[in-house]
Protein backbone atom coordinates (compact mmCIF):
# COMPACT_ATOMS: atom_id res chain seq x y z
CA MET A 1 10.77 21.01 10.10
CA ASN A 2 10.27 18.31 7.30
CA PRO A 3 6.59 17.58 7.44
CA PHE A 4 7.24 13.92 6.98
CA LEU A 5 9.07 13.99 10.42
CA LYS A 6 6.07 15.64 11.91
CA ARG A 7 4.20 13.12 10.43
CA LEU A 8 6.26 10.34 11.91
CA ALA A 9 5.22 11.32 15.49
CA THR A 10 1.80 10.41 15.11
CA ASP A 11 1.75 7.59 12.63
CA ILE A 12 3.54 4.15 11.84
CA PRO A 13 5.12 3.91 8.38
CA LEU A 14 4.50 1.11 6.24
CA LEU A 15 7.13 2.00 3.84
CA GLU A 16 10.00 0.27 1.77
CA ILE A 17 13.16 1.28 3.58
CA ALA A 18 15.04 3.28 1.15
CA THR A 19 12.16 5.51 0.58
CA LEU A 20 11.76 6.24 4.39
CA ASN A 21 15.58 6.58 4.71
CA CYS A 22 14.78 9.39 1.74
CA PHE A 23 12.39 11.38 3.64
CA LEU A 24 14.04 11.13 7.00
CA ASN A 25 17.29 12.85 5.12
CA SER A 26 15.61 15.27 3.17
CA SER A 27 16.09 18.93 4.21
CA PRO A 28 13.70 20.92 6.20
CA SER A 29 11.48 23.14 3.97
CA THR A 30 8.99 25.82 5.11
CA GLY A 31 8.99 24.84 9.01
CA ASP A 32 5.61 25.16 10.84
CA LEU A 33 3.66 27.30 8.44
CA GLN A 34 0.00 25.93 8.09
CA LEU A 35 0.34 25.83 4.49
CA ALA A 36 -2.71 23.69 3.68
CA GLU A 37 -5.07 25.69 5.54
CA HIS A 38 -4.82 28.55 2.89
CA PRO A 39 -7.79 28.33 0.34
CA ALA A 40 -5.16 28.67 -2.67
CA LEU A 41 -3.24 25.65 -1.38
CA LYS A 42 -6.36 23.66 -0.86
CA ARG A 43 -7.26 24.45 -4.66
CA LEU A 44 -3.52 23.36 -5.14
CA LYS A 45 -4.15 19.84 -3.37
CA ASP A 46 -7.32 19.37 -5.49
CA THR A 47 -5.23 20.19 -8.85
CA LEU A 48 -2.61 17.67 -7.48
CA ALA A 49 -4.88 15.02 -6.91
CA PRO A 50 -4.69 12.00 -9.20
CA LYS A 51 -7.74 11.39 -11.47
CA ALA A 52 -9.05 7.90 -12.61
CA GLU A 53 -9.39 7.40 -16.34
CA MET A 54 -11.67 5.42 -18.38
CA ARG A 55 -10.69 2.90 -21.11
CA ASP A 56 -13.36 1.16 -22.82
CA ASP A 57 -15.63 0.34 -19.68
CA VAL A 58 -12.79 -0.29 -17.32
CA ALA A 59 -11.74 2.24 -14.76
CA ILE A 60 -7.66 2.91 -14.40
CA VAL A 61 -7.04 4.08 -11.05
CA PRO A 62 -3.60 5.21 -10.15
CA VAL A 63 -2.01 4.51 -6.93
CA GLN A 64 1.36 5.94 -7.18
CA GLY A 65 3.54 7.65 -4.81
CA PRO A 66 4.11 7.42 -0.96
CA LEU A 67 0.72 7.45 0.75
CA ALA A 68 -0.56 9.57 3.50
CA HIS A 69 -3.61 10.16 5.35
CA ASN A 70 -4.55 13.91 4.01
CA PRO A 71 -1.22 15.26 3.59
CA ASP A 72 -0.67 18.90 3.00
CA ALA A 73 0.10 20.78 -0.16
CA GLU A 74 3.79 20.94 0.67
CA GLU A 75 4.02 17.25 0.87
CA MET A 76 2.30 16.50 -1.99
CA LEU A 77 4.20 19.01 -4.12
CA PHE A 78 7.79 18.73 -2.89
CA TYR A 79 7.62 15.06 -1.42
CA ARG A 80 5.24 13.80 -4.03
CA VAL A 81 3.22 12.23 -1.24
CA GLU A 82 -0.47 11.18 -2.43
CA ASN A 83 -3.56 11.55 -0.39
CA SER A 84 -4.91 7.93 0.46
CA ARG A 85 -8.14 9.48 0.77
CA ASN A 86 -8.19 10.37 -2.92
CA ILE A 87 -7.09 6.85 -3.85
CA LEU A 88 -10.15 5.40 -1.49
CA LYS A 89 -12.53 7.70 -3.28
CA MET A 90 -11.54 6.95 -6.76
CA ILE A 91 -11.95 3.09 -6.05
CA SER A 92 -15.03 3.34 -4.32
CA ASP A 93 -16.63 5.44 -6.98
CA ALA A 94 -15.40 2.96 -9.69
CA SER A 95 -16.93 0.21 -7.74
CA ASN A 96 -20.42 2.00 -7.58
CA ASP A 97 -20.67 3.14 -11.03
CA PRO A 98 -22.59 0.80 -13.03
CA ALA A 99 -20.82 2.03 -16.22
CA VAL A 100 -17.79 0.55 -14.72
CA LYS A 101 -17.38 -3.34 -15.49
CA GLY A 102 -13.66 -3.85 -14.09
CA ILE A 103 -11.12 -1.81 -12.47
CA LEU A 104 -7.23 -1.73 -13.09
CA LEU A 105 -4.97 -0.39 -10.49
CA ARG A 106 -2.03 1.02 -11.72
CA MET A 107 0.38 0.92 -9.29
CA ASP A 108 4.09 2.20 -8.59
CA THR A 109 4.15 2.74 -4.85
CA PRO A 110 6.68 2.36 -2.07
CA GLY A 111 4.15 2.25 0.60
CA GLY A 112 2.87 4.65 3.00
CA MET A 113 1.57 5.48 6.34
CA LEU A 114 -0.50 3.19 8.21
CA MET A 115 -3.24 5.97 8.95
CA GLY A 116 -5.72 5.42 6.09
CA GLY A 117 -3.87 2.66 4.37
CA PRO A 118 -5.68 -0.38 5.40
CA GLU A 119 -8.90 1.22 4.38
CA VAL A 120 -7.88 1.46 0.78
CA ALA A 121 -6.91 -2.16 0.90
CA ASP A 122 -10.78 -2.71 2.37
CA ALA A 123 -12.14 -0.83 -0.57
CA VAL A 124 -10.49 -3.16 -3.27
CA THR A 125 -11.61 -5.88 -1.24
CA ASN A 126 -15.01 -4.27 -1.30
CA ALA A 127 -15.05 -3.62 -5.15
CA ARG A 128 -14.06 -7.36 -6.08
CA ARG A 129 -17.18 -8.33 -4.60
CA THR A 130 -19.25 -6.83 -7.18
CA LYS A 131 -16.72 -6.62 -10.38
CA PRO A 132 -13.21 -7.93 -11.29
CA VAL A 133 -10.33 -5.76 -10.10
CA VAL A 134 -6.61 -6.56 -11.58
CA ALA A 135 -3.72 -4.91 -9.98
CA HIS A 136 -0.70 -4.22 -12.24
CA ILE A 137 2.72 -3.26 -10.49
CA SER A 138 4.65 -1.41 -13.04
CA GLY A 139 7.34 -0.02 -10.68
CA MET A 140 7.27 -0.60 -7.00
CA GLY A 141 4.30 -2.35 -5.16
CA ALA A 142 6.05 -2.40 -1.69
CA SER A 143 4.65 -2.20 1.86
CA LEU A 144 1.46 -0.47 1.99
CA GLY A 145 1.38 -0.57 -1.63
CA TYR A 146 1.22 -4.26 -1.51
CA MET A 147 -1.34 -4.52 0.96
CA ILE A 148 -3.45 -2.69 -1.40
CA ALA A 149 -2.49 -4.74 -4.74
CA SER A 150 -2.77 -8.09 -2.70
CA GLN A 151 -6.49 -7.55 -2.31
CA ALA A 152 -7.04 -7.86 -6.07
CA ASN A 153 -8.65 -10.59 -8.16
CA GLN A 154 -5.12 -10.92 -9.58
CA VAL A 155 -1.86 -9.14 -9.32
CA ILE A 156 0.45 -8.88 -12.44
CA ALA A 157 3.75 -7.34 -12.28
CA ASN A 158 6.64 -6.61 -14.57
CA ARG A 159 9.75 -8.61 -14.57
CA SER A 160 11.72 -5.75 -13.36
CA SER A 161 9.02 -4.52 -10.88
CA ILE A 162 10.02 -4.51 -6.97
CA VAL A 163 7.31 -6.48 -4.89
CA GLY A 164 6.76 -7.10 -1.23
CA SER A 165 8.63 -5.41 1.88
CA ILE A 166 5.79 -7.06 4.00
CA GLY A 167 6.50 -5.52 7.24
CA VAL A 168 6.48 -2.57 9.73
CA ILE A 169 9.23 -0.37 10.99
CA ALA A 170 9.00 2.78 13.53
CA SER A 171 11.77 4.82 14.49
CA VAL A 172 12.43 7.52 17.21
CA THR A 173 15.30 9.64 17.19
CA ASP A 174 16.83 10.45 20.68
CA TYR A 175 18.68 13.55 20.73
CA SER A 176 19.28 13.75 24.59
CA ASP A 177 23.14 13.10 24.43
CA LEU A 178 23.67 16.00 21.70
CA LEU A 179 21.27 18.45 23.56
CA ALA A 180 22.99 17.79 26.81
CA LYS A 181 26.30 18.68 25.46
CA MET A 182 24.95 21.84 24.03
CA GLY A 183 23.43 22.89 27.36
CA ILE A 184 20.05 22.20 26.43
CA LYS A 185 17.43 20.56 28.78
CA PHE A 186 13.64 19.91 28.21
CA GLU A 187 11.57 18.97 31.10
CA TYR A 188 7.96 17.63 30.48
CA PHE A 189 5.14 17.53 32.87
CA THR A 190 2.33 15.04 32.16
CA ASN A 191 -0.52 13.68 34.65
CA GLN A 192 0.93 10.83 36.97
CA GLU A 193 -1.05 7.86 34.77
CA GLY A 194 0.60 9.32 31.52
CA LYS A 195 3.83 7.37 31.39
CA PHE A 196 3.34 7.04 27.66
CA LYS A 197 2.32 10.72 27.09
CA ALA A 198 6.01 11.83 26.17
CA ALA A 199 7.22 9.08 24.38
CA GLY A 200 9.67 10.34 21.79
CA ALA A 201 9.63 13.64 22.80
CA LEU A 202 12.68 15.88 21.95
CA GLY A 203 15.58 15.72 24.30
CA LYS A 204 13.79 12.68 26.35
CA PRO A 205 14.87 9.22 26.06
CA LEU A 206 12.66 6.38 25.92
CA THR A 207 11.94 4.54 29.19
CA ASP A 208 11.71 0.67 28.96
CA ASP A 209 7.75 0.81 29.14
CA GLN A 210 7.72 3.45 26.17
CA ARG A 211 9.78 1.05 23.85
CA GLU A 212 7.54 -1.97 24.96
CA ASN A 213 4.46 0.04 23.98
CA ILE A 214 6.02 1.09 20.58
CA GLN A 215 6.99 -2.45 19.83
CA GLN A 216 3.69 -3.76 20.46
CA SER A 217 2.21 -0.90 18.15
CA VAL A 218 4.45 -2.36 15.43
CA ASP A 219 3.87 -5.73 16.12
CA SER A 220 -0.27 -5.10 16.12
CA ALA A 221 0.16 -3.12 12.81
CA PHE A 222 2.16 -6.43 11.11
CA LYS A 223 -0.40 -8.58 12.43
CA MET A 224 -2.98 -6.73 10.56
CA PHE A 225 -0.99 -6.58 7.54
CA LYS A 226 -0.17 -10.21 7.56
CA SER A 227 -3.88 -11.35 8.23
CA GLN A 228 -5.00 -9.01 5.25
CA VAL A 229 -2.54 -10.65 2.79
CA LEU A 230 -3.45 -14.10 3.89
CA ALA A 231 -7.23 -13.51 3.81
CA ILE A 232 -6.76 -13.41 -0.08
CA ARG A 233 -3.60 -15.06 -0.61
CA PRO A 234 -3.08 -18.00 1.85
CA GLN A 235 -0.38 -19.52 -0.40
CA VAL A 236 2.02 -16.78 0.54
CA LYS A 237 4.46 -18.23 2.96
CA GLY A 238 5.91 -16.70 6.14
CA GLU A 239 9.44 -16.67 4.63
CA ALA A 240 8.40 -14.00 2.04
CA MET A 241 6.88 -11.69 4.67
CA GLN A 242 9.98 -11.02 6.33
CA GLY A 243 10.43 -7.17 5.14
CA GLN A 244 12.08 -8.07 1.84
CA THR A 245 11.40 -7.49 -1.68
CA PHE A 246 11.37 -9.49 -4.70
CA ARG A 247 11.32 -8.97 -8.60
CA GLY A 248 8.54 -9.92 -10.79
CA ASP A 249 9.62 -13.89 -11.75
CA GLU A 250 10.74 -14.30 -7.78
CA ALA A 251 7.57 -12.74 -6.48
CA LYS A 252 5.70 -15.02 -8.70
CA GLN A 253 7.41 -18.12 -7.23
CA LYS A 254 6.73 -16.50 -3.48
CA GLY A 255 3.18 -16.58 -4.37
CA LEU A 256 2.90 -12.68 -4.00
CA ILE A 257 1.77 -12.24 -7.66
CA ASP A 258 0.07 -14.35 -10.12
CA GLN A 259 1.76 -13.47 -13.21
CA VAL A 260 4.34 -11.23 -14.92
CA GLY A 261 3.50 -9.14 -17.82
CA ASP A 262 3.09 -5.51 -18.84
CA GLU A 263 -0.21 -3.15 -18.17
CA ASN A 264 -1.40 -4.22 -21.63
CA PHE A 265 -1.46 -7.96 -20.64
CA ALA A 266 -3.08 -6.96 -17.12
CA PHE A 267 -5.72 -4.90 -19.14
CA SER A 268 -6.40 -7.77 -21.51
CA LEU A 269 -6.45 -10.10 -18.65
CA LEU A 270 -9.12 -7.88 -16.73
CA LYS A 271 -11.01 -7.76 -19.93
CA LYS A 272 -11.40 -11.30 -19.80
CA LEU A 273 -12.70 -11.69 -16.35
CA MET A 274 -15.42 -9.19 -16.84
CA PRO A 275 -18.37 -11.09 -18.85
CA GLY A 276 -19.22 -12.81 -15.64
CA ALA A 277 -20.13 -12.07 -11.98
CA ALA A 278 -16.94 -11.22 -9.72
CA SER A 279 -16.35 -13.81 -6.84
CA SER A 280 -17.13 -12.60 -3.42
CA GLY A 281 -15.09 -15.40 -1.84
CA PRO A 282 -11.13 -15.58 -1.12
CA TYR A 283 -8.66 -16.46 -3.42
CA ILE A 284 -8.73 -19.91 -4.98
CA ASN A 285 -8.98 -22.43 -2.22
CA ASN A 286 -6.91 -25.47 -2.46
CA GLY A 287 -5.94 -25.03 -6.14
CA ASN A 288 -9.60 -25.69 -7.08
CA ALA A 289 -11.97 -23.11 -8.83
CA THR A 290 -15.39 -23.97 -8.32
CA GLY A 291 -18.59 -22.06 -9.89
CA TYR A 292 -17.97 -19.05 -11.82
CA SER A 293 -15.34 -16.15 -10.45
CA PRO A 294 -12.92 -14.08 -12.21
CA ASP A 295 -10.12 -16.51 -10.91
CA ALA A 296 -11.93 -19.24 -12.60
CA ALA A 297 -12.41 -17.18 -15.56
CA LEU A 298 -8.41 -16.80 -15.42
CA LEU A 299 -7.86 -20.42 -15.52
CA SER A 300 -10.20 -21.02 -18.32
CA ALA A 301 -8.22 -18.31 -20.15
CA ARG A 302 -4.98 -19.74 -19.57
CA GLY A 303 -6.45 -23.45 -20.57
CA VAL A 304 -5.95 -25.04 -17.07
CA THR A 305 -8.39 -26.14 -14.37
CA THR A 306 -6.33 -25.87 -11.05
CA LEU A 307 -3.94 -23.15 -9.76
CA SER A 308 -1.46 -25.55 -9.45
CA GLU A 309 -1.44 -26.10 -13.22
CA LEU A 310 -1.54 -21.94 -13.62
CA ASN A 311 1.57 -21.81 -11.65
CA THR A 312 3.34 -24.44 -13.80
CA LEU A 313 3.04 -21.89 -16.86
CA GLY A 314 5.66 -19.63 -17.70
CA PRO A 315 5.46 -15.64 -17.36
CA ALA A 316 2.29 -14.60 -19.32
CA THR A 317 2.59 -12.44 -22.54
CA MET A 318 0.05 -11.01 -24.76
CA GLY A 319 0.03 -13.87 -27.00
CA ASP A 320 -1.14 -16.00 -24.09
């Protein structure tokens, strides 16, 4: 069975929809073998794990591919799934390393699974309390990927990058009619109080109570997603949080990112934010920067004093 389908039985995807469909339509591979339990495959997982790199005194942390909590080697090797725990550790290590003066998140991810994902975003939030963090979206910064990026002091994206997809989706496949035509019937036995226990079980259609329970889980996950974004980026309007994606320039207009530029620009911006202490507070409030913060440093670097003035500037380039 496709290992990603098994993951969907216990977790909620925060994935851009095209990526989710790709996983759902993938062919089954090695079945139910417990591949990750073999010591050789554990070593393979360690080999496949991404590594942060140092450039001057900046830690560059890759946040790339679909993210999941503790995927097995098969998911990592054949489906390019990345372990969110690895991402979390790299960010935490960079945050705690006194030799690291700033963190650049190198992002190209369609999102991932809810389990373990918000904790990565929390790690970014915590890191920016001690040193500046800049996220650069080179390809995709969608769904869970955007949740993570949104917690940085500044978010930069290429003009062609795909940003947003703020929303939650869950699916349950009902094979009951197909199985009935094949003469196959499943019976499940749960305790009398366990009316939600067999939700989504093969050959068993959902009850109304089970549908309502799944919808509540989806709504709860979206509430968490939305509140995490707005805690740092209150300028993002509800109209930009309906599951759609935006290219770089439009993402800037919607308040999802701060500037349009390449990774070199993001790196140079981070270097400008590094000399002073990082802000522990939220994003610039009401367009005014008070005291020293990486956000105030950005305004100074661009020759303006308020966020409103900053937003009137054109896309940033290396010459700015």
